[in-house]
Amino acid sequence: MNTTEQLLAEIAALKSQLKQQEAKLEEKENTIKKKEAKIQSLEALNDWYIEQLKLKAKEKFGASSEKFDPNQLSLFDLFNEAETLMQPITTEPELDTIIKAHTRKKSKRGSKFANLDVKQVHYELSDEEKICDVCGEILTEMTTEIRKELVIKPAEAYIVEHVTHLYSCRNCDKNGETGFIKSAAHPNALISKSVVSASMMAHIMNNKYTLALPLYRQEQEFKRLGFEISRQNSSNWILKGATLLKPLYAALIKQLLEEELLHADETTLEVLNEPGKKATSKSYVWAYRTSKYTLNPIVIYEYTEGRGGIFPKTFLKDWTGTYLHCDGYTGYKQLEGITLCGCLVYAKRKFHDAVVASPNNEIAKTGEDYIRKLFAIEDKAYKDELSLEERLMLRKTESKKIFDELYSWIASIEHKTLPQSLVGKAINYALNQKEYLASFMLDARIQLSNNLAEQSIKPFVIGRKNWLFSNTVNGAKASTTIYSIIQTAIANNLKPEKYLEFLFTQIQQGKDVAEFVPWLEDIPEYCRLKKAQQK
């Protein structure tokens, strides 16, 4: 039989073994917890990569519109699009069919070709042919058949020789007096010792800045028309032409800064030969434009060497307005005495991206649905043609209720999302921008989105994709000047090429180009879009 001492020793040994086992068990549990945490982290990272992959696929293959369409093709259907959409080929559609296919249903604007002049070509029988082949009697016209064709004449180029006649006084010559010479009135050269005309300058600018056609491609097209103008010549003409337009550019800026409400956006630009910077470093182009409630729409572009808040602060230093629509960029917060207006479309887009990446994500769907409701209220106000006062009252009641519900919901689910996930980023953006997103309830003229500025920056982005960069700072500034005048002309329903030609013609006649702003009533009719063309 074991003694008491032996039993105590055995108990102590067992306790020691138990502690060792407990320590090993705790170590295993810690290892399991670490592995579980790592698995959870890897799963979250995997979900994030899947989200990014789906988002990039949507950007590349999906529609740019965020409107929901239950009948639209899924990402996987896109690879079978040819088979899905294939129709049996019948006959070529008639012109009327084409017109109807490209015209909205119940459109009050009529045919999109209604603004074109119509030239009729008649095909008639001669008197000798107006004889019946059966009985020999004279034929009588019964009716006509009309077939329509859409005809376009390509550009044509020719030389105009400006021959100025000079006159002298023979009587003064006979009397030994200083000869009197008088010349007929004539336009000056647009650029001294240059063959460029007002129409040629306008054509090159319109091709590059409206149609996004690079100068090297214009050079090739000129050769096909039978003459040669190098891209270097075209570039020099653009620089000098932009200098001639600077007074008008300054006048547009002055008018812009008198508006109470503006929209702003910015995008990158690469300038190869910029002092003190590498060729690959980014410069910026800022777009400022008037609101939809202005009488005289203006779009202004400004080149800057950086993106700091000092640039919009400098440009808007003389601005007397109150509200500025912008995105979430913190640089705009340097502006003092101005109410910044956020973009609910941008907030909705972030939730929409999360839905695209994870269609079963109920949080992302709910967030997007809340913002859709705000836009639905706004759409109803426009359809009902409410006044600004009535619209503001609607915003302060129905819209405010939805807005408050949105942020109450965000507060309840914020902790349930990963900050780096798409839905987490959407929620963080909404929280950080709440003050600015709520500004639409201050004034009925404030839009729920900054779409006007985004639409204005888009022509520059499209052009940049074609000509890629500016060679010099002067080239970048010339581009912003010309873009400003062209986009302002378009906003005022003018034909940009015809308007530019008109401006350069006035310059040749020695007139102040700053006086010919796009909304001037004296702008010729040939510069204006007809009503059927206006949107």
Protein backbone atom coordinates (compact mmCIF):
# COMPACT_ATOMS: atom_id res chain seq x y z
CA MET A 1 0.00 0.00 0.00
CA ASN A 2 1.32 3.44 -0.96
CA THR A 3 2.16 5.81 1.77
CA THR A 4 0.65 9.27 2.09
CA GLU A 5 3.84 10.81 0.77
CA GLN A 6 3.73 8.60 -2.34
CA LEU A 7 0.08 9.48 -3.01
CA LEU A 8 0.81 13.15 -2.68
CA ALA A 9 3.72 12.78 -5.07
CA GLU A 10 1.53 10.96 -7.61
CA ILE A 11 -1.17 13.65 -7.30
CA ALA A 12 1.44 16.37 -7.87
CA ALA A 13 2.74 14.49 -10.91
CA LEU A 14 -0.78 14.14 -12.31
CA LYS A 15 -1.45 17.84 -11.74
CA SER A 16 1.75 18.67 -13.56
CA GLN A 17 0.76 16.45 -16.48
CA LEU A 18 -2.70 18.05 -16.52
CA LYS A 19 -1.18 21.52 -16.66
CA GLN A 20 1.08 20.42 -19.50
CA GLN A 21 -1.90 18.99 -21.38
CA GLU A 22 -3.91 22.16 -20.74
CA ALA A 23 -0.99 24.26 -22.02
CA LYS A 24 -0.73 22.11 -25.14
CA LEU A 25 -4.50 22.31 -25.63
CA GLU A 26 -4.44 26.10 -25.23
CA GLU A 27 -1.55 26.31 -27.68
CA LYS A 28 -3.53 24.23 -30.20
CA GLU A 29 -6.61 26.39 -29.67
CA ASN A 30 -4.52 29.54 -30.29
CA THR A 31 -3.07 27.95 -33.40
CA ILE A 32 -6.59 27.09 -34.62
CA LYS A 33 -7.78 30.65 -33.91
CA LYS A 34 -4.83 32.09 -35.81
CA LYS A 35 -5.50 29.78 -38.75
CA GLU A 36 -9.21 30.62 -38.67
CA ALA A 37 -8.36 34.33 -38.62
CA LYS A 38 -5.94 33.82 -41.51
CA ILE A 39 -8.58 31.84 -43.44
CA GLN A 40 -11.10 34.62 -42.82
CA SER A 41 -8.56 37.22 -43.93
CA LEU A 42 -7.72 35.21 -47.06
CA GLU A 43 -11.41 34.72 -47.83
CA ALA A 44 -11.98 38.47 -47.48
CA LEU A 45 -8.97 39.12 -49.72
CA ASN A 46 -10.28 36.56 -52.22
CA ASP A 47 -13.71 38.25 -52.18
CA TRP A 48 -12.00 41.59 -52.74
CA TYR A 49 -10.06 40.24 -55.74
CA ILE A 50 -13.26 38.73 -57.16
CA GLU A 51 -15.01 42.08 -56.70
CA GLN A 52 -12.20 43.89 -58.52
CA LEU A 53 -12.17 41.30 -61.30
CA LYS A 54 -15.92 41.58 -61.84
CA LEU A 55 -15.75 45.37 -61.64
CA LYS A 56 -12.99 45.55 -64.26
CA ALA A 57 -14.91 43.13 -66.47
CA LYS A 58 -17.98 45.34 -66.15
CA GLU A 59 -15.93 48.44 -67.04
CA LYS A 60 -14.53 46.71 -70.11
CA PHE A 61 -17.51 44.75 -71.37
CA GLY A 62 -20.56 46.17 -69.61
CA ALA A 63 -22.71 49.18 -70.43
CA SER A 64 -21.54 52.50 -69.03
CA SER A 65 -25.06 53.39 -67.86
CA GLU A 66 -26.00 52.45 -64.31
CA LYS A 67 -29.71 52.20 -65.08
CA PHE A 68 -31.11 48.82 -64.16
CA ASP A 69 -32.42 46.78 -67.07
CA PRO A 70 -33.72 43.28 -66.25
CA ASN A 71 -33.36 42.28 -69.91
CA GLN A 72 -29.74 43.31 -70.36
CA LEU A 73 -27.12 40.65 -71.11
CA SER A 74 -25.09 39.29 -68.23
CA LEU A 75 -21.30 39.29 -68.30
CA PHE A 76 -21.24 35.66 -69.38
CA ASP A 77 -23.88 36.28 -72.09
CA LEU A 78 -21.52 38.82 -73.66
CA PHE A 79 -19.32 36.01 -74.96
CA ASN A 80 -22.33 34.53 -76.75
CA GLU A 81 -23.69 37.88 -77.93
CA ALA A 82 -23.40 37.02 -81.62
CA GLU A 83 -25.53 33.92 -81.21
CA THR A 84 -27.92 35.58 -78.75
CA LEU A 85 -28.65 38.60 -80.94
CA MET A 86 -28.27 37.00 -84.38
CA GLN A 87 -31.20 37.73 -86.70
CA PRO A 88 -31.82 36.32 -90.21
CA ILE A 89 -30.74 38.79 -92.88
CA THR A 90 -33.66 39.99 -95.00
CA THR A 91 -33.50 43.12 -97.15
CA GLU A 92 -31.65 46.39 -96.60
CA PRO A 93 -33.77 48.77 -94.46
CA GLU A 94 -35.34 51.73 -96.19
CA LEU A 95 -34.44 55.30 -95.24
CA ASP A 96 -37.73 55.83 -93.42
CA THR A 97 -37.02 52.71 -91.35
CA ILE A 98 -33.57 54.02 -90.43
CA ILE A 99 -35.04 57.36 -89.41
CA LYS A 100 -37.65 55.69 -87.20
CA ALA A 101 -35.08 53.36 -85.64
CA HIS A 102 -32.96 56.30 -84.53
CA THR A 103 -35.82 58.49 -83.34
CA ARG A 104 -37.36 58.16 -79.90
CA LYS A 105 -40.95 57.02 -79.77
CA LYS A 106 -43.52 59.80 -79.68
CA SER A 107 -40.76 62.35 -80.26
CA LYS A 108 -41.99 65.90 -80.74
CA ARG A 109 -38.85 66.79 -82.66
CA GLY A 110 -39.83 64.77 -85.70
CA SER A 111 -37.34 63.15 -88.02
CA LYS A 112 -33.65 63.63 -87.29
CA PHE A 113 -33.23 64.52 -90.96
CA ALA A 114 -35.92 67.19 -90.90
CA ASN A 115 -33.32 69.97 -90.68
CA LEU A 116 -31.65 68.98 -93.97
CA ASP A 117 -32.42 70.79 -97.21
CA VAL A 118 -34.19 68.72 -99.83
CA LYS A 119 -33.13 68.78 -103.47
CA GLN A 120 -35.46 67.14 -105.94
CA VAL A 121 -34.32 65.52 -109.16
CA HIS A 122 -37.18 64.97 -111.63
CA TYR A 123 -37.15 62.24 -114.21
CA GLU A 124 -39.67 62.95 -117.00
CA LEU A 125 -40.40 61.59 -120.42
CA SER A 126 -39.61 63.80 -123.39
CA ASP A 127 -42.45 64.83 -125.68
CA GLU A 128 -41.34 62.17 -128.16
CA GLU A 129 -41.48 59.49 -125.44
CA LYS A 130 -45.00 60.45 -124.20
CA ILE A 131 -46.59 58.06 -126.69
CA CYS A 132 -48.58 54.97 -125.77
CA ASP A 133 -46.83 51.82 -126.98
CA VAL A 134 -50.27 50.16 -127.47
CA CYS A 135 -52.49 52.69 -129.23
CA GLY A 136 -50.12 55.53 -130.07
CA GLU A 137 -52.05 58.22 -128.18
CA ILE A 138 -50.35 60.95 -126.07
CA LEU A 139 -49.69 59.93 -122.44
CA THR A 140 -51.00 61.96 -119.47
CA GLU A 141 -49.07 62.20 -116.16
CA MET A 142 -50.84 60.02 -113.59
CA THR A 143 -48.72 60.31 -110.39
CA THR A 144 -45.13 60.31 -109.16
CA GLU A 145 -42.96 57.87 -107.24
CA ILE A 146 -40.46 59.24 -104.72
CA ARG A 147 -37.33 57.47 -103.53
CA LYS A 148 -35.13 59.21 -100.94
CA GLU A 149 -31.34 59.17 -100.65
CA LEU A 150 -29.13 60.71 -98.00
CA VAL A 151 -26.24 62.41 -99.86
CA ILE A 152 -23.10 63.91 -98.35
CA LYS A 153 -20.37 65.88 -100.14
CA PRO A 154 -16.84 65.38 -98.79
CA ALA A 155 -14.60 68.32 -97.94
CA GLU A 156 -13.05 70.15 -100.83
CA ALA A 157 -10.06 72.44 -100.84
CA TYR A 158 -9.12 75.26 -103.17
CA ILE A 159 -6.93 78.36 -103.23
CA VAL A 160 -8.34 81.88 -102.94
CA GLU A 161 -6.08 84.62 -104.29
CA HIS A 162 -6.82 87.93 -102.62
CA VAL A 163 -5.96 90.46 -105.31
CA THR A 164 -5.94 93.96 -103.84
CA HIS A 165 -5.98 96.76 -106.42
CA LEU A 166 -3.84 99.80 -105.67
CA TYR A 167 -4.50 103.26 -107.11
CA SER A 168 -2.24 106.29 -107.46
CA CYS A 169 -2.82 109.95 -108.35
CA ARG A 170 -1.22 110.79 -111.70
CA ASN A 171 -1.87 114.53 -111.17
CA CYS A 172 0.21 114.52 -107.98
CA ASP A 173 2.94 112.68 -109.85
CA LYS A 174 2.93 115.32 -112.63
CA ASN A 175 3.11 118.20 -110.17
CA GLY A 176 6.06 116.63 -108.38
CA GLU A 177 4.14 116.16 -105.17
CA THR A 178 4.42 113.07 -103.00
CA GLY A 179 2.50 110.32 -104.76
CA PHE A 180 -0.89 109.50 -103.30
CA ILE A 181 -1.66 105.77 -103.20
CA LYS A 182 -4.97 104.23 -102.15
CA SER A 183 -5.82 100.55 -101.91
CA ALA A 184 -9.18 98.80 -102.00
CA ALA A 185 -10.54 97.51 -98.71
CA HIS A 186 -9.41 93.94 -98.07
CA PRO A 187 -9.19 91.48 -95.16
CA ASN A 188 -5.85 91.08 -93.42
CA ALA A 189 -4.05 87.75 -93.27
CA LEU A 190 -5.16 85.73 -90.28
CA ILE A 191 -1.51 84.95 -89.54
CA SER A 192 1.16 87.09 -91.16
CA LYS A 193 2.90 85.43 -94.13
CA SER A 194 0.76 82.29 -93.76
CA VAL A 195 -1.61 80.58 -96.19
CA VAL A 196 -4.04 79.57 -93.43
CA SER A 197 -7.55 80.98 -93.82
CA ALA A 198 -10.35 81.40 -91.31
CA SER A 199 -12.07 78.30 -92.68
CA MET A 200 -8.86 76.23 -92.65
CA MET A 201 -8.06 77.23 -89.07
CA ALA A 202 -11.61 76.40 -87.96
CA HIS A 203 -11.53 73.07 -89.81
CA ILE A 204 -8.28 71.91 -88.16
CA MET A 205 -9.42 73.00 -84.69
CA ASN A 206 -12.83 71.41 -85.08
CA ASN A 207 -11.32 68.13 -86.29
CA LYS A 208 -8.96 67.93 -83.32
CA TYR A 209 -11.03 69.34 -80.47
CA THR A 210 -14.58 68.41 -81.49
CA LEU A 211 -14.00 65.20 -83.45
CA ALA A 212 -10.84 64.13 -81.54
CA LEU A 213 -8.93 63.65 -84.81
CA PRO A 214 -5.14 63.87 -84.19
CA LEU A 215 -3.07 66.13 -86.40
CA TYR A 216 -1.16 63.26 -88.00
CA ARG A 217 -4.42 61.75 -89.25
CA GLN A 218 -5.53 65.14 -90.54
CA GLU A 219 -2.19 65.36 -92.37
CA GLN A 220 -2.99 62.06 -94.11
CA GLU A 221 -6.48 63.22 -95.02
CA PHE A 222 -5.13 66.46 -96.53
CA LYS A 223 -2.87 64.39 -98.79
CA ARG A 224 -5.91 62.45 -100.00
CA LEU A 225 -7.57 65.78 -100.83
CA GLY A 226 -4.60 66.71 -103.04
CA PHE A 227 -2.38 68.99 -100.94
CA GLU A 228 0.14 68.72 -98.13
CA ILE A 229 0.00 70.45 -94.75
CA SER A 230 2.34 68.96 -92.17
CA ARG A 231 1.23 68.34 -88.61
CA GLN A 232 3.95 70.80 -87.54
CA ASN A 233 2.28 73.54 -89.58
CA SER A 234 -1.13 72.62 -88.18
CA SER A 235 0.27 72.66 -84.65
CA ASN A 236 1.79 76.11 -85.13
CA TRP A 237 -1.47 77.42 -86.56
CA ILE A 238 -3.39 76.08 -83.56
CA LEU A 239 -1.02 77.79 -81.12
CA LYS A 240 -1.31 81.13 -82.94
CA GLY A 241 -5.05 80.71 -83.46
CA ALA A 242 -5.55 80.06 -79.74
CA THR A 243 -3.64 83.28 -78.99
CA LEU A 244 -6.06 85.18 -81.24
CA LEU A 245 -8.99 83.69 -79.29
CA LYS A 246 -7.63 84.59 -75.82
CA PRO A 247 -9.73 87.80 -75.49
CA LEU A 248 -12.91 85.74 -75.98
CA TYR A 249 -11.65 83.10 -73.52
CA ALA A 250 -11.06 85.84 -70.91
CA ALA A 251 -14.54 87.28 -71.54
CA LEU A 252 -16.13 83.86 -70.99
CA ILE A 253 -14.23 83.40 -67.71
CA LYS A 254 -15.36 86.83 -66.51
CA GLN A 255 -18.99 85.96 -67.27
CA LEU A 256 -18.63 82.52 -65.64
CA LEU A 257 -17.42 84.06 -62.38
CA GLU A 258 -20.59 86.13 -62.14
CA GLU A 259 -22.75 83.01 -61.83
CA GLU A 260 -24.12 82.00 -58.42
CA LEU A 261 -23.84 78.24 -58.96
CA LEU A 262 -21.04 76.35 -60.74
CA HIS A 263 -19.97 72.77 -61.45
CA ALA A 264 -16.33 71.63 -61.36
CA ASP A 265 -14.34 68.50 -62.21
CA GLU A 266 -10.75 67.66 -63.11
CA THR A 267 -8.74 65.10 -65.09
CA THR A 268 -5.11 64.33 -65.80
CA LEU A 269 -2.99 65.53 -68.71
CA GLU A 270 0.55 64.53 -69.64
CA VAL A 271 2.78 67.40 -70.79
CA LEU A 272 6.08 66.19 -72.18
CA ASN A 273 8.20 69.33 -71.98
CA GLU A 274 7.09 70.93 -68.73
CA PRO A 275 9.81 72.86 -66.84
CA GLY A 276 10.92 71.15 -63.63
CA LYS A 277 8.87 68.00 -64.17
CA LYS A 278 9.45 64.58 -65.67
CA ALA A 279 7.70 63.81 -68.96
CA THR A 280 5.72 61.01 -67.32
CA SER A 281 4.42 63.15 -64.43
CA LYS A 282 0.79 64.23 -64.43
CA SER A 283 -0.56 67.70 -64.93
CA TYR A 284 -4.26 68.51 -64.73
CA VAL A 285 -7.10 70.10 -66.64
CA TRP A 286 -10.00 71.53 -64.64
CA ALA A 287 -13.48 72.00 -66.08
CA TYR A 288 -15.80 74.68 -64.72
CA ARG A 289 -19.28 75.20 -66.09
CA THR A 290 -22.50 77.03 -65.36
CA SER A 291 -25.60 75.34 -63.98
CA LYS A 292 -28.63 74.19 -65.98
CA TYR A 293 -30.55 77.25 -64.80
CA THR A 294 -28.27 79.82 -66.41
CA LEU A 295 -29.40 81.79 -69.46
CA ASN A 296 -25.95 81.70 -71.06
CA PRO A 297 -24.19 78.30 -70.69
CA ILE A 298 -20.42 78.53 -70.34
CA VAL A 299 -17.80 75.77 -70.17
CA ILE A 300 -14.25 76.72 -69.18
CA TYR A 301 -11.15 74.51 -69.09
CA GLU A 302 -7.98 75.47 -67.24
CA TYR A 303 -4.56 73.82 -67.35
CA THR A 304 -2.53 73.54 -64.14
CA GLU A 305 0.72 71.78 -63.31
CA GLY A 306 -0.81 69.99 -60.31
CA ARG A 307 -4.00 69.02 -58.51
CA GLY A 308 -3.66 70.89 -55.21
CA GLY A 309 -6.56 72.83 -53.76
CA ILE A 310 -4.64 76.04 -54.44
CA PHE A 311 -5.57 75.80 -58.14
CA PRO A 312 -9.37 75.98 -57.86
CA LYS A 313 -8.89 78.51 -55.06
CA THR A 314 -6.83 80.71 -57.40
CA PHE A 315 -9.19 80.33 -60.36
CA LEU A 316 -12.25 81.14 -58.24
CA LYS A 317 -10.70 83.92 -56.17
CA ASP A 318 -12.95 86.57 -57.82
CA TRP A 319 -16.04 84.36 -57.90
CA THR A 320 -19.05 85.92 -56.22
CA GLY A 321 -21.16 82.73 -56.20
CA THR A 322 -22.47 80.52 -53.40
CA TYR A 323 -22.67 76.87 -54.49
CA LEU A 324 -20.05 74.67 -56.14
CA HIS A 325 -20.87 71.15 -57.36
CA CYS A 326 -17.83 68.87 -57.13
CA ASP A 327 -16.73 65.33 -56.30
CA GLY A 328 -15.23 64.15 -53.03
CA TYR A 329 -11.74 65.55 -53.71
CA THR A 330 -10.49 67.25 -50.54
CA GLY A 331 -8.77 70.07 -52.47
CA TYR A 332 -12.10 71.83 -52.95
CA LYS A 333 -12.41 72.19 -49.18
CA GLN A 334 -9.79 74.95 -49.30
CA LEU A 335 -12.42 77.23 -50.83
CA GLU A 336 -13.77 79.64 -48.23
CA GLY A 337 -17.26 81.07 -48.01
CA ILE A 338 -18.60 78.55 -50.53
CA THR A 339 -21.07 75.72 -50.02
CA LEU A 340 -19.78 72.51 -51.61
CA CYS A 341 -22.45 70.31 -53.19
CA GLY A 342 -21.75 66.57 -53.30
CA CYS A 343 -22.69 64.10 -56.02
CA LEU A 344 -25.29 61.46 -55.14
CA VAL A 345 -24.67 59.77 -58.50
CA TYR A 346 -21.09 59.14 -57.42
CA ALA A 347 -22.32 57.70 -54.11
CA LYS A 348 -24.85 55.51 -55.95
CA ARG A 349 -22.14 54.39 -58.38
CA LYS A 350 -20.07 52.98 -55.51
CA PHE A 351 -23.01 50.89 -54.26
CA HIS A 352 -23.76 49.91 -57.85
CA ASP A 353 -20.18 48.66 -58.34
CA ALA A 354 -20.57 46.51 -55.23
CA VAL A 355 -23.82 45.07 -56.64
CA VAL A 356 -22.12 44.29 -59.95
CA ALA A 357 -19.27 42.51 -58.15
CA SER A 358 -21.59 40.69 -55.72
CA PRO A 359 -25.18 40.47 -57.05
CA ASN A 360 -26.37 38.75 -53.83
CA ASN A 361 -24.98 41.46 -51.56
CA GLU A 362 -28.16 42.75 -49.90
CA ILE A 363 -26.35 45.62 -48.17
CA ALA A 364 -25.10 46.99 -51.50
CA LYS A 365 -28.56 46.60 -53.06
CA THR A 366 -30.23 48.39 -50.17
CA GLY A 367 -27.78 51.31 -50.32
CA GLU A 368 -28.31 51.74 -54.05
CA ASP A 369 -32.11 51.48 -53.66
CA TYR A 370 -32.18 54.31 -51.10
CA ILE A 371 -30.36 56.64 -53.48
CA ARG A 372 -32.55 55.54 -56.40
CA LYS A 373 -35.56 56.65 -54.37
CA LEU A 374 -34.07 60.15 -54.03
CA PHE A 375 -33.68 60.39 -57.80
CA ALA A 376 -37.19 59.03 -58.33
CA ILE A 377 -38.61 61.88 -56.21
CA GLU A 378 -36.58 64.35 -58.26
CA ASP A 379 -37.77 62.86 -61.56
CA LYS A 380 -41.38 63.13 -60.41
CA ALA A 381 -40.86 66.80 -59.56
CA TYR A 382 -39.60 67.48 -63.09
CA LYS A 383 -42.40 65.51 -64.71
CA ASP A 384 -45.00 67.38 -62.65
CA GLU A 385 -43.27 70.65 -63.68
CA LEU A 386 -43.05 71.89 -60.11
CA SER A 387 -41.69 75.38 -59.51
CA LEU A 388 -38.36 75.84 -57.73
CA GLU A 389 -40.20 76.71 -54.51
CA GLU A 390 -42.41 73.62 -54.75
CA ARG A 391 -39.42 71.43 -55.58
CA LEU A 392 -37.48 72.71 -52.57
CA MET A 393 -40.44 71.99 -50.29
CA LEU A 394 -40.62 68.45 -51.73
CA ARG A 395 -36.94 67.96 -51.00
CA LYS A 396 -37.29 69.18 -47.42
CA THR A 397 -40.11 66.72 -46.76
CA GLU A 398 -40.08 63.53 -48.86
CA SER A 399 -36.39 63.61 -49.90
CA LYS A 400 -35.22 64.45 -46.37
CA LYS A 401 -37.17 61.49 -44.99
CA ILE A 402 -35.44 59.08 -47.41
CA PHE A 403 -32.06 60.75 -46.79
CA ASP A 404 -32.38 60.37 -43.01
CA GLU A 405 -33.49 56.74 -43.40
CA LEU A 406 -30.41 56.07 -45.54
CA TYR A 407 -28.02 57.30 -42.85
CA SER A 408 -29.92 55.58 -40.03
CA TRP A 409 -29.58 52.35 -41.99
CA ILE A 410 -25.86 52.99 -42.60
CA ALA A 411 -25.31 53.48 -38.86
CA SER A 412 -26.97 50.12 -38.17
CA ILE A 413 -24.90 48.06 -40.63
CA GLU A 414 -21.59 49.96 -40.73
CA HIS A 415 -19.89 47.47 -38.39
CA LYS A 416 -20.98 44.52 -40.56
CA THR A 417 -18.85 45.44 -43.57
CA LEU A 418 -15.15 45.22 -44.31
CA PRO A 419 -13.69 48.73 -44.90
CA GLN A 420 -11.68 47.64 -47.95
CA SER A 421 -14.56 45.85 -49.66
CA LEU A 422 -16.52 47.68 -52.34
CA VAL A 423 -19.60 48.00 -50.15
CA GLY A 424 -17.40 49.13 -47.26
CA LYS A 425 -15.89 51.85 -49.44
CA ALA A 426 -19.38 52.90 -50.57
CA ILE A 427 -20.50 53.27 -46.95
CA ASN A 428 -17.33 55.18 -45.96
CA TYR A 429 -17.79 57.54 -48.91
CA ALA A 430 -21.42 58.20 -47.95
CA LEU A 431 -20.43 58.89 -44.35
CA ASN A 432 -17.52 61.18 -45.24
CA GLN A 433 -19.60 63.12 -47.78
CA LYS A 434 -22.85 63.38 -45.77
CA GLU A 435 -22.61 67.15 -45.28
CA TYR A 436 -22.04 67.77 -48.99
CA LEU A 437 -24.56 65.18 -50.21
CA ALA A 438 -27.25 66.86 -48.09
CA SER A 439 -26.71 70.28 -49.73
CA PHE A 440 -29.40 69.66 -52.39
CA MET A 441 -31.96 70.41 -49.67
CA LEU A 442 -30.66 74.00 -49.36
CA ASP A 443 -31.65 75.30 -52.81
CA ALA A 444 -33.81 73.79 -55.57
CA ARG A 445 -31.27 74.84 -58.20
CA ILE A 446 -28.67 72.51 -56.70
CA GLN A 447 -28.54 69.24 -58.61
CA LEU A 448 -28.36 65.82 -56.98
CA SER A 449 -25.35 65.05 -59.14
CA ASN A 450 -22.31 66.65 -60.71
CA ASN A 451 -23.14 65.10 -64.09
CA LEU A 452 -22.90 68.45 -65.91
CA ALA A 453 -19.22 68.76 -65.00
CA GLU A 454 -18.55 65.09 -65.79
CA GLN A 455 -20.20 65.53 -69.19
CA SER A 456 -18.04 68.61 -69.81
CA ILE A 457 -14.80 66.83 -68.91
CA LYS A 458 -15.66 63.87 -71.16
CA PRO A 459 -14.83 65.57 -74.53
CA PHE A 460 -11.36 66.34 -73.20
CA VAL A 461 -10.89 62.76 -72.00
CA ILE A 462 -11.99 61.39 -75.40
CA GLY A 463 -9.62 63.74 -77.18
CA ARG A 464 -6.75 62.80 -74.86
CA LYS A 465 -7.21 59.12 -75.75
CA ASN A 466 -6.53 60.02 -79.37
CA TRP A 467 -3.74 62.58 -79.15
CA LEU A 468 -2.42 61.19 -75.80
CA PHE A 469 -0.48 64.24 -74.53
CA SER A 470 0.53 67.86 -75.05
CA ASN A 471 4.09 68.57 -76.09
CA THR A 472 4.48 71.89 -74.25
CA VAL A 473 2.78 74.02 -71.63
CA ASN A 474 1.78 76.48 -74.37
CA GLY A 475 0.15 73.61 -76.25
CA ALA A 476 -1.79 72.56 -73.15
CA LYS A 477 -3.01 76.13 -72.58
CA ALA A 478 -3.95 76.47 -76.25
CA SER A 479 -5.99 73.28 -75.99
CA THR A 480 -7.90 74.49 -72.93
CA THR A 481 -8.66 77.81 -74.66
CA ILE A 482 -10.01 76.13 -77.79
CA TYR A 483 -11.92 73.45 -75.88
CA SER A 484 -13.57 76.18 -73.81
CA ILE A 485 -14.80 78.08 -76.86
CA ILE A 486 -15.95 74.95 -78.72
CA GLN A 487 -17.84 73.41 -75.79
CA THR A 488 -19.42 76.75 -74.90
CA ALA A 489 -20.53 77.10 -78.52
CA ILE A 490 -22.05 73.61 -78.46
CA ALA A 491 -23.83 74.39 -75.16
CA ASN A 492 -25.37 77.43 -76.89
CA ASN A 493 -26.55 75.37 -79.90
CA LEU A 494 -23.92 76.63 -82.32
CA LYS A 495 -22.00 74.67 -84.95
CA PRO A 496 -18.44 74.81 -83.59
CA GLU A 497 -16.63 74.84 -86.93
CA LYS A 498 -18.88 77.53 -88.42
CA TYR A 499 -18.65 79.60 -85.24
CA LEU A 500 -14.83 79.38 -85.21
CA GLU A 501 -14.72 80.40 -88.87
CA PHE A 502 -16.97 83.37 -88.08
CA LEU A 503 -14.69 84.40 -85.18
CA PHE A 504 -11.52 84.25 -87.26
CA THR A 505 -13.23 86.20 -90.05
CA GLN A 506 -14.05 88.95 -87.53
CA ILE A 507 -10.42 88.94 -86.37
CA GLN A 508 -9.27 89.38 -89.99
CA GLN A 509 -11.56 92.40 -90.23
CA GLY A 510 -9.89 93.95 -87.17
CA LYS A 511 -12.83 93.48 -84.77
CA ASP A 512 -12.61 92.64 -81.07
CA VAL A 513 -13.34 88.91 -80.84
CA ALA A 514 -14.35 89.25 -77.16
CA GLU A 515 -17.59 90.90 -78.29
CA PHE A 516 -18.80 87.80 -80.15
CA VAL A 517 -19.83 85.56 -77.25
CA PRO A 518 -21.81 82.47 -78.35
CA TRP A 519 -25.16 83.71 -77.04
CA LEU A 520 -24.96 87.02 -78.93
CA GLU A 521 -28.06 87.59 -81.05
CA ASP A 522 -25.94 88.89 -83.93
CA ILE A 523 -24.24 85.52 -84.47
CA PRO A 524 -25.15 84.55 -88.08
CA GLU A 525 -27.82 81.93 -88.70
CA TYR A 526 -25.39 79.67 -90.56
CA CYS A 527 -23.57 79.20 -87.23
CA ARG A 528 -26.71 78.07 -85.44
CA LEU A 529 -28.20 74.61 -85.19
CA LYS A 530 -31.73 74.37 -86.46
CA LYS A 531 -34.37 73.42 -83.91
CA ALA A 532 -34.53 69.83 -85.13
CA GLN A 533 -30.82 69.46 -84.30
CA GLN A 534 -30.95 70.99 -80.83
CA LYS A 535 -31.15 68.69 -77.83
